[in-house]
Amino acid sequence: MIGAESHLPHHELTFVLYSIGPISGASLNPARTFGPTIASAAFNLTPLASLCVYIVGPVLGGLLGGFLYEVVK
């Protein structure tokens, strides 16, 4: 099947959006999450509690990925 592999990333993204969408609002970009969270924090402090997930998660994932790369390499 020539060209079928070009559709695979679209299906993966669709799966991720449908699976975590109800939990996170399907926000996969920490920068996109940061602005509305800070804006809504002016009225309520609850959004700041979930902001750490979008900041700490990618940092820990990057560190873990770098460590595993060095181990496997």
PDB file of N, CA and C in Angstrom:
ATOM      1  N   MET A   1       0.830  -1.171   0.000  1.00  0.00           N
ATOM      2  CA  MET A   1       0.000   0.000   0.000  1.00  0.00           C
ATOM      3  C   MET A   1       0.878   1.238   0.000  1.00  0.00           C
ATOM      4  N   ILE A   2       1.074   1.799  -1.108  1.00  0.00           N
ATOM      5  CA  ILE A   2       1.895   2.992  -1.211  1.00  0.00           C
ATOM      6  C   ILE A   2       1.094   4.198  -0.726  1.00  0.00           C
ATOM      7  N   GLY A   3       1.693   4.964   0.141  1.00  0.00           N
ATOM      8  CA  GLY A   3       1.044   6.165   0.641  1.00  0.00           C
ATOM      9  C   GLY A   3       0.233   5.955   1.914  1.00  0.00           C
ATOM     10  N   ALA A   4       0.053   4.716   2.343  1.00  0.00           N
ATOM     11  CA  ALA A   4      -0.732   4.475   3.554  1.00  0.00           C
ATOM     12  C   ALA A   4      -0.018   5.003   4.787  1.00  0.00           C
ATOM     13  N   GLU A   5       1.310   4.978   4.766  1.00  0.00           N
ATOM     14  CA  GLU A   5       2.055   5.450   5.933  1.00  0.00           C
ATOM     15  C   GLU A   5       1.914   6.952   6.132  1.00  0.00           C
ATOM     16  N   SER A   6       1.538   7.668   5.099  1.00  0.00           N
ATOM     17  CA  SER A   6       1.365   9.112   5.260  1.00  0.00           C
ATOM     18  C   SER A   6       0.107   9.457   6.055  1.00  0.00           C
ATOM     19  N   HIS A   7      -0.813   8.534   6.164  1.00  0.00           N
ATOM     20  CA  HIS A   7      -2.043   8.777   6.929  1.00  0.00           C
ATOM     21  C   HIS A   7      -1.906   8.368   8.395  1.00  0.00           C
ATOM     22  N   LEU A   8      -0.872   7.627   8.722  1.00  0.00           N
ATOM     23  CA  LEU A   8      -0.700   7.127  10.081  1.00  0.00           C
ATOM     24  C   LEU A   8      -0.589   8.235  11.125  1.00  0.00           C
ATOM     25  N   PRO A   9       0.206   9.295  10.933  1.00  0.00           N
ATOM     26  CA  PRO A   9       0.253  10.354  11.965  1.00  0.00           C
ATOM     27  C   PRO A   9      -1.099  11.019  12.213  1.00  0.00           C
ATOM     28  N   HIS A  10      -1.928  11.127  11.185  1.00  0.00           N
ATOM     29  CA  HIS A  10      -3.249  11.730  11.366  1.00  0.00           C
ATOM     30  C   HIS A  10      -4.126  10.853  12.261  1.00  0.00           C
ATOM     31  N   HIS A  11      -4.033   9.551  12.067  1.00  0.00           N
ATOM     32  CA  HIS A  11      -4.823   8.637  12.893  1.00  0.00           C
ATOM     33  C   HIS A  11      -4.299   8.625  14.333  1.00  0.00           C
ATOM     34  N   GLU A  12      -2.983   8.709  14.501  1.00  0.00           N
ATOM     35  CA  GLU A  12      -2.425   8.757  15.852  1.00  0.00           C
ATOM     36  C   GLU A  12      -2.882  10.012  16.583  1.00  0.00           C
ATOM     37  N   LEU A  13      -2.832  11.141  15.905  1.00  0.00           N
ATOM     38  CA  LEU A  13      -3.270  12.392  16.526  1.00  0.00           C
ATOM     39  C   LEU A  13      -4.755  12.346  16.866  1.00  0.00           C
ATOM     40  N   THR A  14      -5.554  11.791  15.977  1.00  0.00           N
ATOM     41  CA  THR A  14      -6.989  11.654  16.244  1.00  0.00           C
ATOM     42  C   THR A  14      -7.229  10.796  17.472  1.00  0.00           C
ATOM     43  N   PHE A  15      -6.500   9.685  17.585  1.00  0.00           N
ATOM     44  CA  PHE A  15      -6.642   8.804  18.743  1.00  0.00           C
ATOM     45  C   PHE A  15      -6.281   9.536  20.032  1.00  0.00           C
ATOM     46  N   VAL A  16      -5.177  10.291  20.009  1.00  0.00           N
ATOM     47  CA  VAL A  16      -4.748  11.029  21.206  1.00  0.00           C
ATOM     48  C   VAL A  16      -5.788  12.080  21.587  1.00  0.00           C
ATOM     49  N   LEU A  17      -6.303  12.807  20.603  1.00  0.00           N
ATOM     50  CA  LEU A  17      -7.285  13.844  20.896  1.00  0.00           C
ATOM     51  C   LEU A  17      -8.561  13.265  21.486  1.00  0.00           C
ATOM     52  N   TYR A  18      -9.023  12.139  20.944  1.00  0.00           N
ATOM     53  CA  TYR A  18     -10.241  11.526  21.481  1.00  0.00           C
ATOM     54  C   TYR A  18     -10.009  10.876  22.839  1.00  0.00           C
ATOM     55  N   SER A  19      -8.803  10.384  23.096  1.00  0.00           N
ATOM     56  CA  SER A  19      -8.575   9.692  24.355  1.00  0.00           C
ATOM     57  C   SER A  19      -8.315  10.654  25.516  1.00  0.00           C
ATOM     58  N   ILE A  20      -7.562  11.747  25.292  1.00  0.00           N
ATOM     59  CA  ILE A  20      -7.291  12.668  26.399  1.00  0.00           C
ATOM     60  C   ILE A  20      -8.075  13.959  26.300  1.00  0.00           C
ATOM     61  N   GLY A  21      -8.850  14.117  25.271  1.00  0.00           N
ATOM     62  CA  GLY A  21      -9.635  15.331  25.103  1.00  0.00           C
ATOM     63  C   GLY A  21     -10.538  15.650  26.273  1.00  0.00           C
ATOM     64  N   PRO A  22     -11.308  14.686  26.759  1.00  0.00           N
ATOM     65  CA  PRO A  22     -12.184  14.987  27.895  1.00  0.00           C
ATOM     66  C   PRO A  22     -11.417  15.334  29.177  1.00  0.00           C
ATOM     67  N   ILE A  23     -10.183  14.877  29.295  1.00  0.00           N
ATOM     68  CA  ILE A  23      -9.398  15.128  30.502  1.00  0.00           C
ATOM     69  C   ILE A  23      -8.743  16.500  30.450  1.00  0.00           C
ATOM     70  N   SER A  24      -8.070  16.794  29.328  1.00  0.00           N
ATOM     71  CA  SER A  24      -7.262  18.013  29.251  1.00  0.00           C
ATOM     72  C   SER A  24      -7.806  19.056  28.294  1.00  0.00           C
ATOM     73  N   GLY A  25      -8.933  18.796  27.688  1.00  0.00           N
ATOM     74  CA  GLY A  25      -9.434  19.717  26.683  1.00  0.00           C
ATOM     75  C   GLY A  25      -8.680  19.580  25.373  1.00  0.00           C
ATOM     76  N   ALA A  26      -7.961  18.488  25.201  1.00  0.00           N
ATOM     77  CA  ALA A  26      -7.181  18.172  24.008  1.00  0.00           C
ATOM     78  C   ALA A  26      -6.098  19.203  23.755  1.00  0.00           C
ATOM     79  N   SER A  27      -5.551  19.757  24.788  1.00  0.00           N
ATOM     80  CA  SER A  27      -4.460  20.709  24.629  1.00  0.00           C
ATOM     81  C   SER A  27      -3.143  19.942  24.662  1.00  0.00           C
ATOM     82  N   LEU A  28      -2.515  19.809  23.505  1.00  0.00           N
ATOM     83  CA  LEU A  28      -1.264  19.067  23.411  1.00  0.00           C
ATOM     84  C   LEU A  28      -0.056  19.990  23.412  1.00  0.00           C
ATOM     85  N   ASN A  29      -0.276  21.287  23.439  1.00  0.00           N
ATOM     86  CA  ASN A  29       0.795  22.265  23.381  1.00  0.00           C
ATOM     87  C   ASN A  29       0.840  23.034  24.699  1.00  0.00           C
ATOM     88  N   PRO A  30       1.916  22.890  25.473  1.00  0.00           N
ATOM     89  CA  PRO A  30       1.985  23.594  26.751  1.00  0.00           C
ATOM     90  C   PRO A  30       1.887  25.118  26.607  1.00  0.00           C
ATOM     91  N   ALA A  31       2.437  25.667  25.534  1.00  0.00           N
ATOM     92  CA  ALA A  31       2.360  27.114  25.338  1.00  0.00           C
ATOM     93  C   ALA A  31       0.919  27.552  25.101  1.00  0.00           C
ATOM     94  N   ARG A  32       0.155  26.737  24.431  1.00  0.00           N
ATOM     95  CA  ARG A  32      -1.252  27.043  24.166  1.00  0.00           C
ATOM     96  C   ARG A  32      -2.076  26.960  25.453  1.00  0.00           C
ATOM     97  N   THR A  33      -1.675  26.137  26.378  1.00  0.00           N
ATOM     98  CA  THR A  33      -2.372  25.985  27.652  1.00  0.00           C
ATOM     99  C   THR A  33      -2.017  27.108  28.619  1.00  0.00           C
ATOM    100  N   PHE A  34      -0.783  27.595  28.537  1.00  0.00           N
ATOM    101  CA  PHE A  34      -0.279  28.568  29.504  1.00  0.00           C
ATOM    102  C   PHE A  34      -1.069  29.875  29.509  1.00  0.00           C
ATOM    103  N   GLY A  35      -1.340  30.441  28.345  1.00  0.00           N
ATOM    104  CA  GLY A  35      -2.042  31.727  28.255  1.00  0.00           C
ATOM    105  C   GLY A  35      -3.426  31.712  28.867  1.00  0.00           C
ATOM    106  N   PRO A  36      -4.314  30.813  28.438  1.00  0.00           N
ATOM    107  CA  PRO A  36      -5.649  30.777  29.036  1.00  0.00           C
ATOM    108  C   PRO A  36      -5.640  30.445  30.528  1.00  0.00           C
ATOM    109  N   THR A  37      -4.674  29.647  30.963  1.00  0.00           N
ATOM    110  CA  THR A  37      -4.609  29.308  32.385  1.00  0.00           C
ATOM    111  C   THR A  37      -4.251  30.534  33.212  1.00  0.00           C
ATOM    112  N   ILE A  38      -3.287  31.296  32.748  1.00  0.00           N
ATOM    113  CA  ILE A  38      -2.912  32.510  33.470  1.00  0.00           C
ATOM    114  C   ILE A  38      -4.061  33.520  33.453  1.00  0.00           C
ATOM    115  N   ALA A  39      -4.734  33.634  32.312  1.00  0.00           N
ATOM    116  CA  ALA A  39      -5.854  34.571  32.217  1.00  0.00           C
ATOM    117  C   ALA A  39      -6.997  34.176  33.149  1.00  0.00           C
ATOM    118  N   SER A  40      -7.298  32.882  33.223  1.00  0.00           N
ATOM    119  CA  SER A  40      -8.393  32.454  34.090  1.00  0.00           C
ATOM    120  C   SER A  40      -7.989  32.458  35.555  1.00  0.00           C
ATOM    121  N   ALA A  41      -6.695  32.457  35.842  1.00  0.00           N
ATOM    122  CA  ALA A  41      -6.242  32.500  37.239  1.00  0.00           C
ATOM    123  C   ALA A  41      -6.557  33.838  37.887  1.00  0.00           C
ATOM    124  N   ALA A  42      -6.810  34.849  37.086  1.00  0.00           N
ATOM    125  CA  ALA A  42      -7.180  36.144  37.649  1.00  0.00           C
ATOM    126  C   ALA A  42      -8.512  36.065  38.381  1.00  0.00           C
ATOM    127  N   PHE A  43      -9.329  35.087  38.022  1.00  0.00           N
ATOM    128  CA  PHE A  43     -10.646  34.943  38.630  1.00  0.00           C
ATOM    129  C   PHE A  43     -10.743  33.753  39.588  1.00  0.00           C
ATOM    130  N   ASN A  44      -9.842  32.764  39.408  1.00  0.00           N
ATOM    131  CA  ASN A  44      -9.928  31.549  40.197  1.00  0.00           C
ATOM    132  C   ASN A  44      -8.537  30.927  40.249  1.00  0.00           C
ATOM    133  N   LEU A  45      -8.098  30.421  41.385  1.00  0.00           N
ATOM    134  CA  LEU A  45      -6.763  29.826  41.498  1.00  0.00           C
ATOM    135  C   LEU A  45      -6.710  28.351  41.104  1.00  0.00           C
ATOM    136  N   THR A  46      -7.826  27.726  40.858  1.00  0.00           N
ATOM    137  CA  THR A  46      -7.853  26.305  40.526  1.00  0.00           C
ATOM    138  C   THR A  46      -7.083  25.967  39.247  1.00  0.00           C
ATOM    139  N   PRO A  47      -7.143  26.768  38.177  1.00  0.00           N
ATOM    140  CA  PRO A  47      -6.412  26.394  36.965  1.00  0.00           C
ATOM    141  C   PRO A  47      -4.902  26.280  37.155  1.00  0.00           C
ATOM    142  N   LEU A  48      -4.343  27.011  38.117  1.00  0.00           N
ATOM    143  CA  LEU A  48      -2.901  26.940  38.332  1.00  0.00           C
ATOM    144  C   LEU A  48      -2.461  25.572  38.817  1.00  0.00           C
ATOM    145  N   ALA A  49      -3.346  24.831  39.455  1.00  0.00           N
ATOM    146  CA  ALA A  49      -3.004  23.496  39.934  1.00  0.00           C
ATOM    147  C   ALA A  49      -2.737  22.547  38.777  1.00  0.00           C
ATOM    148  N   SER A  50      -3.462  22.697  37.672  1.00  0.00           N
ATOM    149  CA  SER A  50      -3.267  21.805  36.534  1.00  0.00           C
ATOM    150  C   SER A  50      -2.176  22.285  35.586  1.00  0.00           C
ATOM    151  N   LEU A  51      -1.710  23.512  35.759  1.00  0.00           N
ATOM    152  CA  LEU A  51      -0.671  24.038  34.877  1.00  0.00           C
ATOM    153  C   LEU A  51       0.649  23.308  35.059  1.00  0.00           C
ATOM    154  N   CYS A  52       0.929  22.853  36.261  1.00  0.00           N
ATOM    155  CA  CYS A  52       2.201  22.177  36.511  1.00  0.00           C
ATOM    156  C   CYS A  52       2.341  20.909  35.676  1.00  0.00           C
ATOM    157  N   VAL A  53       1.250  20.272  35.332  1.00  0.00           N
ATOM    158  CA  VAL A  53       1.299  19.073  34.502  1.00  0.00           C
ATOM    159  C   VAL A  53       1.886  19.398  33.133  1.00  0.00           C
ATOM    160  N   TYR A  54       1.535  20.545  32.580  1.00  0.00           N
ATOM    161  CA  TYR A  54       2.005  20.921  31.254  1.00  0.00           C
ATOM    162  C   TYR A  54       3.427  21.475  31.276  1.00  0.00           C
ATOM    163  N   ILE A  55       3.913  21.847  32.434  1.00  0.00           N
ATOM    164  CA  ILE A  55       5.283  22.347  32.533  1.00  0.00           C
ATOM    165  C   ILE A  55       6.228  21.241  32.993  1.00  0.00           C
ATOM    166  N   VAL A  56       5.865  20.530  34.026  1.00  0.00           N
ATOM    167  CA  VAL A  56       6.727  19.487  34.581  1.00  0.00           C
ATOM    168  C   VAL A  56       6.734  18.242  33.685  1.00  0.00           C
ATOM    169  N   GLY A  57       5.603  17.908  33.096  1.00  0.00           N
ATOM    170  CA  GLY A  57       5.514  16.705  32.268  1.00  0.00           C
ATOM    171  C   GLY A  57       6.495  16.671  31.108  1.00  0.00           C
ATOM    172  N   PRO A  58       6.528  17.702  30.257  1.00  0.00           N
ATOM    173  CA  PRO A  58       7.489  17.685  29.157  1.00  0.00           C
ATOM    174  C   PRO A  58       8.949  17.697  29.616  1.00  0.00           C
ATOM    175  N   VAL A  59       9.236  18.374  30.718  1.00  0.00           N
ATOM    176  CA  VAL A  59      10.612  18.403  31.217  1.00  0.00           C
ATOM    177  C   VAL A  59      11.026  17.008  31.681  1.00  0.00           C
ATOM    178  N   LEU A  60      10.179  16.369  32.468  1.00  0.00           N
ATOM    179  CA  LEU A  60      10.501  15.010  32.926  1.00  0.00           C
ATOM    180  C   LEU A  60      10.556  14.020  31.768  1.00  0.00           C
ATOM    181  N   GLY A  61       9.658  14.179  30.808  1.00  0.00           N
ATOM    182  CA  GLY A  61       9.682  13.305  29.633  1.00  0.00           C
ATOM    183  C   GLY A  61      10.947  13.477  28.814  1.00  0.00           C
ATOM    184  N   GLY A  62      11.417  14.715  28.670  1.00  0.00           N
ATOM    185  CA  GLY A  62      12.662  14.968  27.949  1.00  0.00           C
ATOM    186  C   GLY A  62      13.867  14.391  28.668  1.00  0.00           C
ATOM    187  N   LEU A  63      13.895  14.550  29.989  1.00  0.00           N
ATOM    188  CA  LEU A  63      14.999  13.983  30.766  1.00  0.00           C
ATOM    189  C   LEU A  63      15.000  12.458  30.705  1.00  0.00           C
ATOM    190  N   LEU A  64      13.828  11.872  30.826  1.00  0.00           N
ATOM    191  CA  LEU A  64      13.726  10.415  30.750  1.00  0.00           C
ATOM    192  C   LEU A  64      14.110   9.915  29.364  1.00  0.00           C
ATOM    193  N   GLY A  65      13.658  10.620  28.324  1.00  0.00           N
ATOM    194  CA  GLY A  65      14.016  10.236  26.958  1.00  0.00           C
ATOM    195  C   GLY A  65      15.509  10.331  26.720  1.00  0.00           C
ATOM    196  N   GLY A  66      16.142  11.388  27.216  1.00  0.00           N
ATOM    197  CA  GLY A  66      17.590  11.530  27.075  1.00  0.00           C
ATOM    198  C   GLY A  66      18.340  10.440  27.812  1.00  0.00           C
ATOM    199  N   PHE A  67      17.879  10.107  29.015  1.00  0.00           N
ATOM    200  CA  PHE A  67      18.503   9.029  29.786  1.00  0.00           C
ATOM    201  C   PHE A  67      18.367   7.690  29.066  1.00  0.00           C
ATOM    202  N   LEU A  68      17.158   7.393  28.592  1.00  0.00           N
ATOM    203  CA  LEU A  68      16.959   6.124  27.896  1.00  0.00           C
ATOM    204  C   LEU A  68      17.751   6.057  26.596  1.00  0.00           C
ATOM    205  N   TYR A  69      17.908   7.184  25.921  1.00  0.00           N
ATOM    206  CA  TYR A  69      18.718   7.213  24.707  1.00  0.00           C
ATOM    207  C   TYR A  69      20.166   6.833  25.017  1.00  0.00           C
ATOM    208  N   GLU A  70      20.692   7.388  26.106  1.00  0.00           N
ATOM    209  CA  GLU A  70      22.068   7.075  26.476  1.00  0.00           C
ATOM    210  C   GLU A  70      22.211   5.608  26.900  1.00  0.00           C
ATOM    211  N   VAL A  71      21.206   5.065  27.564  1.00  0.00           N
ATOM    212  CA  VAL A  71      21.255   3.674  28.003  1.00  0.00           C
ATOM    213  C   VAL A  71      21.197   2.726  26.811  1.00  0.00           C
ATOM    214  N   VAL A  72      20.310   2.997  25.871  1.00  0.00           N
ATOM    215  CA  VAL A  72      20.115   2.104  24.725  1.00  0.00           C
ATOM    216  C   VAL A  72      21.254   2.250  23.713  1.00  0.00           C
ATOM    217  N   LYS A  73      21.776   3.453  23.595  1.00  0.00           N
ATOM    218  CA  LYS A  73      22.845   3.726  22.618  1.00  0.00           C
ATOM    219  C   LYS A  73      24.037   2.905  22.958  1.00  0.00           C
TER     220      LYS A  73
END
